[in-house]
Amino acid sequence: MRLSTALLPCLGLLASSLGTDGSSFLLQDVNEIQKTLYKSDWADRNAARSLSETLQLSQPQVEEEDVCDGTIELQGAIVAEALRNVAIGSRTAQHFCVTFLGLCEYPTVDEWDVPVPPKRSPRKRPVPSGRDPIKVVHYSDIHVDQLYTEGSNAECNKPICCRPFTEGDEPGRADSPAGPYGEHTCDSPPSLEHSMYEAIKELVPDAAFTIFTGDVVDHAIWNTTWDYNEHQIIASYEHMDKHLGIVYGTAGNHEAHPT
């Protein structure tokens, strides 16, 4: 889950909109944000877009404008609603500040006595059945980027690269061209997804079934749509069905729009 790569840097600047220096951002600033949300609908998309523009002007080094603008527009309402449902000044608010924004101190640890059941006599190992063990394939978080472009710029300033975001990112112009099977700074190209399925068939041809625990969609959380996510999900599950047979799948957090 790479939500933090786009959403958190943008939201971490909320303190600036309240007149607070980010380096001195404390729990009381989260409280002030909550009070602002109660008084006015910060989650309104037009207001969120204006906030994004304001933050970019004040501290443009955090994320590129389109990333912050799209992220706050899509995710802002969700974060705002979460904050509205957290008691102002509570321990939960402090946890939110430290884990979500990374700008506060952790609260003191509460003592908790964990009841431990009495020790039992060790169980005997069951007699082996003599049958061959069942083989199961499990994989997760494939994050296939259908817009991955081989030869495009693999070293950009966005949460994921390997897309021709600008003319300078296009194949033939990039100093760090994206390879045919992916880069560490990018999500998985379809070629890597297909290669994985072929490898599974070769390595475990007798697998009884496959378990896939979600996250098909790429990490461009500032630029998703319902139709785009649906297309990616359908495409990947069709590939799984074609290559792997029985697949028991679950939905990952990135399948949703917004994430």
Protein backbone atom coordinates (compact mmCIF):
# COMPACT_ATOMS: atom_id res chain seq x y z
CA MET A 1 0.00 0.00 0.00
CA ARG A 2 1.67 3.14 -1.20
CA LEU A 3 -1.01 5.59 -0.14
CA SER A 4 1.59 7.50 1.84
CA THR A 5 3.64 8.30 -1.26
CA ALA A 6 1.01 10.69 -2.57
CA LEU A 7 -1.64 11.40 0.03
CA LEU A 8 0.39 11.90 3.18
CA PRO A 9 2.87 14.50 1.91
CA CYS A 10 -0.04 16.56 0.57
CA LEU A 11 -2.15 16.27 3.70
CA GLY A 12 0.88 16.87 5.88
CA LEU A 13 0.77 20.45 4.60
CA LEU A 14 -2.69 21.06 6.05
CA ALA A 15 -0.96 22.68 8.97
CA SER A 16 0.30 25.36 6.61
CA SER A 17 -3.25 26.29 5.68
CA LEU A 18 -3.92 26.85 9.37
CA GLY A 19 -0.86 29.04 9.83
CA THR A 20 1.29 26.36 11.44
CA ASP A 21 4.90 25.59 10.61
CA GLY A 22 5.14 21.93 9.54
CA SER A 23 8.19 21.37 11.76
CA SER A 24 6.19 22.37 14.84
CA PHE A 25 3.03 20.49 13.87
CA LEU A 26 1.56 19.00 17.05
CA LEU A 27 -1.58 17.26 18.24
CA GLN A 28 -3.32 20.59 18.79
CA ASP A 29 -2.95 21.27 15.06
CA VAL A 30 -4.88 18.08 14.31
CA ASN A 31 -7.48 19.38 16.74
CA GLU A 32 -7.65 22.66 14.83
CA ILE A 33 -8.04 20.81 11.53
CA GLN A 34 -10.90 18.84 13.05
CA LYS A 35 -12.57 22.02 14.27
CA THR A 36 -12.23 23.51 10.79
CA LEU A 37 -13.88 20.43 9.30
CA TYR A 38 -16.78 20.70 11.72
CA LYS A 39 -17.31 24.37 10.85
CA SER A 40 -17.04 24.17 7.06
CA ASP A 41 -17.12 21.50 4.40
CA TRP A 42 -13.41 21.19 3.63
CA ALA A 43 -14.25 17.95 1.85
CA ASP A 44 -16.02 19.83 -0.94
CA ARG A 45 -14.07 19.08 -4.10
CA ASN A 46 -13.76 22.68 -5.21
CA ALA A 47 -12.45 23.70 -1.81
CA ALA A 48 -10.06 20.76 -1.81
CA ARG A 49 -8.73 21.80 -5.19
CA SER A 50 -8.20 25.36 -3.96
CA LEU A 51 -6.43 24.02 -0.89
CA SER A 52 -4.17 21.91 -3.09
CA GLU A 53 -3.23 24.96 -5.16
CA THR A 54 -2.51 26.97 -2.01
CA LEU A 55 -0.27 24.25 -0.59
CA GLN A 56 1.61 23.85 -3.84
CA LEU A 57 2.36 27.57 -3.96
CA SER A 58 3.62 27.55 -0.37
CA GLN A 59 5.69 24.35 -0.52
CA PRO A 60 5.96 23.05 -4.10
CA GLN A 61 8.68 20.53 -3.27
CA VAL A 62 6.31 18.07 -1.59
CA GLU A 63 4.57 16.60 -4.65
CA GLU A 64 3.92 17.76 -8.18
CA GLU A 65 0.78 19.83 -8.64
CA ASP A 66 -1.29 17.22 -10.46
CA VAL A 67 -0.48 14.60 -7.82
CA CYS A 68 -1.56 16.76 -4.88
CA ASP A 69 -4.55 18.16 -6.75
CA GLY A 70 -5.87 14.75 -7.79
CA THR A 71 -5.05 13.08 -4.48
CA ILE A 72 -6.80 15.65 -2.33
CA GLU A 73 -9.78 15.81 -4.69
CA LEU A 74 -10.26 12.03 -4.58
CA GLN A 75 -9.14 11.25 -1.04
CA GLY A 76 -9.93 14.48 0.80
CA ALA A 77 -13.57 13.70 1.49
CA ILE A 78 -12.64 10.34 3.00
CA VAL A 79 -9.96 11.77 5.28
CA ALA A 80 -12.26 14.63 6.27
CA GLU A 81 -15.05 12.23 7.21
CA ALA A 82 -12.63 10.11 9.23
CA LEU A 83 -11.44 13.18 11.13
CA ARG A 84 -15.01 14.29 11.79
CA ASN A 85 -15.64 10.98 13.52
CA VAL A 86 -12.59 11.18 15.79
CA ALA A 87 -13.08 12.87 19.14
CA ILE A 88 -11.12 16.13 19.28
CA GLY A 89 -8.08 15.81 21.54
CA SER A 90 -8.54 12.06 21.96
CA ARG A 91 -5.94 9.31 21.98
CA THR A 92 -7.23 8.24 18.58
CA ALA A 93 -6.57 11.75 17.25
CA GLN A 94 -3.00 11.51 18.51
CA HIS A 95 -2.54 8.12 16.84
CA PHE A 96 -3.88 9.63 13.62
CA CYS A 97 -1.37 12.45 13.83
CA VAL A 98 1.63 10.17 14.30
CA THR A 99 0.70 7.23 12.05
CA PHE A 100 -1.06 9.05 9.24
CA LEU A 101 0.84 12.33 9.12
CA GLY A 102 4.03 11.31 10.94
CA LEU A 103 4.18 14.65 12.71
CA CYS A 104 3.40 13.95 16.39
CA GLU A 105 4.82 11.90 19.23
CA TYR A 106 3.42 8.47 20.01
CA PRO A 107 1.16 8.45 23.08
CA THR A 108 2.29 6.54 26.16
CA VAL A 109 1.71 2.81 26.04
CA ASP A 110 -1.24 1.55 28.07
CA GLU A 111 -0.50 -1.37 30.36
CA TRP A 112 -2.43 -4.45 29.31
CA ASP A 113 -2.47 -7.76 31.14
CA VAL A 114 -2.94 -10.55 28.64
CA PRO A 115 -4.51 -13.69 30.12
CA VAL A 116 -2.49 -16.77 29.21
CA PRO A 117 -4.23 -20.16 29.26
CA PRO A 118 -2.68 -22.90 31.38
CA LYS A 119 -0.03 -25.04 29.76
CA ARG A 120 -1.38 -28.23 28.23
CA SER A 121 0.38 -31.48 27.55
CA PRO A 122 1.93 -31.52 24.07
CA ARG A 123 -0.21 -33.01 21.34
CA LYS A 124 1.08 -36.00 19.46
CA ARG A 125 1.90 -35.62 15.81
CA PRO A 126 -0.72 -37.30 13.64
CA VAL A 127 0.26 -40.37 11.68
CA PRO A 128 1.25 -39.42 8.11
CA SER A 129 -1.42 -40.33 5.58
CA GLY A 130 1.10 -41.36 2.96
CA ARG A 131 -0.58 -39.22 0.34
CA ASP A 132 1.22 -36.53 -1.65
CA PRO A 133 0.94 -33.04 -0.13
CA ILE A 134 -1.46 -30.67 -1.80
CA LYS A 135 0.19 -27.81 -3.68
CA VAL A 136 -1.29 -24.33 -3.51
CA VAL A 137 -0.08 -21.14 -5.21
CA HIS A 138 -0.44 -17.83 -3.38
CA TYR A 139 0.45 -14.37 -4.64
CA SER A 140 -0.65 -10.83 -3.93
CA ASP A 141 -0.23 -7.14 -4.84
CA ILE A 142 0.52 -7.46 -8.52
CA HIS A 143 -0.29 -3.74 -9.13
CA VAL A 144 -0.35 -3.97 -12.90
CA ASP A 145 0.10 -0.65 -14.68
CA GLN A 146 -1.68 -0.86 -18.03
CA LEU A 147 -0.13 2.52 -18.92
CA TYR A 148 3.45 1.29 -18.34
CA THR A 149 5.51 2.26 -21.38
CA GLU A 150 8.77 0.52 -22.14
CA GLY A 151 11.53 3.05 -22.73
CA SER A 152 9.76 5.85 -20.86
CA ASN A 153 11.37 7.67 -17.95
CA ALA A 154 11.97 5.41 -14.92
CA GLU A 155 13.28 8.28 -12.74
CA CYS A 156 10.50 10.84 -12.37
CA ASN A 157 9.20 12.98 -9.49
CA LYS A 158 5.88 11.19 -9.05
CA PRO A 159 4.97 8.25 -6.78
CA ILE A 160 5.26 5.90 -9.78
CA CYS A 161 7.16 6.35 -13.03
CA CYS A 162 7.51 4.53 -16.37
CA ARG A 163 4.71 6.51 -17.96
CA PRO A 164 5.11 9.34 -20.51
CA PHE A 165 3.72 12.01 -18.18
CA THR A 166 5.57 14.71 -20.15
CA GLU A 167 7.36 14.92 -23.50
CA GLY A 168 10.64 14.50 -21.65
CA ASP A 169 9.40 11.19 -20.23
CA GLU A 170 8.65 9.68 -23.63
CA PRO A 171 10.68 6.75 -25.01
CA GLY A 172 13.86 7.90 -26.70
CA ARG A 173 14.15 11.02 -24.54
CA ALA A 174 14.60 9.55 -21.07
CA ASP A 175 18.03 9.16 -19.46
CA SER A 176 16.69 6.20 -17.43
CA PRO A 177 14.53 4.21 -19.85
CA ALA A 178 12.08 1.68 -18.42
CA GLY A 179 12.91 -1.94 -19.14
CA PRO A 180 10.57 -4.51 -20.68
CA TYR A 181 9.81 -6.23 -17.36
CA GLY A 182 9.60 -3.32 -14.95
CA GLU A 183 11.62 -1.02 -12.71
CA HIS A 184 11.83 -0.53 -8.94
CA THR A 185 10.38 2.97 -9.29
CA CYS A 186 7.36 1.75 -11.22
CA ASP A 187 4.45 -0.64 -11.00
CA SER A 188 4.34 -3.94 -12.87
CA PRO A 189 4.01 -3.89 -16.64
CA PRO A 190 1.57 -6.41 -18.19
CA SER A 191 4.59 -8.28 -19.56
CA LEU A 192 5.76 -9.05 -16.01
CA GLU A 193 2.28 -10.20 -15.00
CA HIS A 194 2.09 -12.60 -17.95
CA SER A 195 5.63 -13.83 -17.27
CA MET A 196 4.66 -14.63 -13.68
CA TYR A 197 1.67 -16.71 -14.78
CA GLU A 198 3.83 -18.64 -17.24
CA ALA A 199 6.42 -19.28 -14.51
CA ILE A 200 3.72 -20.55 -12.13
CA LYS A 201 2.48 -23.00 -14.77
CA GLU A 202 6.02 -24.21 -15.34
CA LEU A 203 7.06 -24.48 -11.68
CA VAL A 204 3.79 -25.76 -10.19
CA PRO A 205 1.86 -27.47 -13.00
CA ASP A 206 0.02 -29.71 -10.53
CA ALA A 207 -1.19 -26.97 -8.17
CA ALA A 208 -4.67 -27.74 -6.82
CA PHE A 209 -5.70 -24.09 -6.86
CA THR A 210 -4.42 -20.53 -6.51
CA ILE A 211 -5.11 -17.88 -3.86
CA PHE A 212 -4.81 -14.24 -4.89
CA THR A 213 -5.16 -11.77 -2.03
CA GLY A 214 -5.81 -8.61 -3.98
CA ASP A 215 -4.41 -5.33 -5.27
CA VAL A 216 -4.59 -5.42 -9.04
CA VAL A 217 -4.74 -1.67 -9.67
CA ASP A 218 -1.62 0.50 -9.88
CA HIS A 219 -0.53 3.11 -7.33
CA ALA A 220 -1.53 6.22 -9.30
CA ILE A 221 -4.16 6.97 -6.67
CA TRP A 222 -4.41 10.61 -7.77
CA ASN A 223 -5.63 9.64 -11.25
CA THR A 224 -8.03 6.70 -10.98
CA THR A 225 -11.63 6.37 -12.15
CA TRP A 226 -14.32 3.75 -11.63
CA ASP A 227 -14.07 2.58 -15.25
CA TYR A 228 -10.26 2.51 -15.23
CA ASN A 229 -10.11 0.36 -12.10
CA GLU A 230 -12.84 -1.95 -13.35
CA HIS A 231 -11.02 -2.45 -16.65
CA GLN A 232 -7.76 -3.35 -14.89
CA ILE A 233 -9.46 -5.79 -12.51
CA ILE A 234 -11.36 -7.58 -15.29
CA ALA A 235 -8.25 -7.80 -17.48
CA SER A 236 -6.10 -9.36 -14.75
CA TYR A 237 -8.73 -11.86 -13.65
CA GLU A 238 -9.24 -12.91 -17.27
CA HIS A 239 -5.50 -13.55 -17.50
CA MET A 240 -5.58 -15.56 -14.26
CA ASP A 241 -8.47 -17.63 -15.55
CA LYS A 242 -6.67 -18.30 -18.81
CA HIS A 243 -3.35 -19.32 -17.26
CA LEU A 244 -4.07 -20.71 -13.80
CA GLY A 245 -7.46 -22.39 -13.71
CA ILE A 246 -9.09 -22.22 -10.28
CA VAL A 247 -8.27 -18.92 -8.55
CA TYR A 248 -9.79 -17.82 -5.24
CA GLY A 249 -9.45 -14.06 -5.20
CA THR A 250 -10.11 -11.28 -2.72
CA ALA A 251 -10.37 -7.53 -3.19
CA GLY A 252 -7.43 -5.38 -2.20
CA ASN A 253 -7.66 -1.80 -0.99
CA HIS A 254 -6.47 -0.49 -4.37
CA GLU A 255 -9.39 -2.09 -6.19
CA ALA A 256 -11.69 0.62 -4.83
CA HIS A 257 -12.13 4.07 -6.34
CA PRO A 258 -11.08 6.18 -4.60
CA THR A 259 -8.51 4.01 -2.87
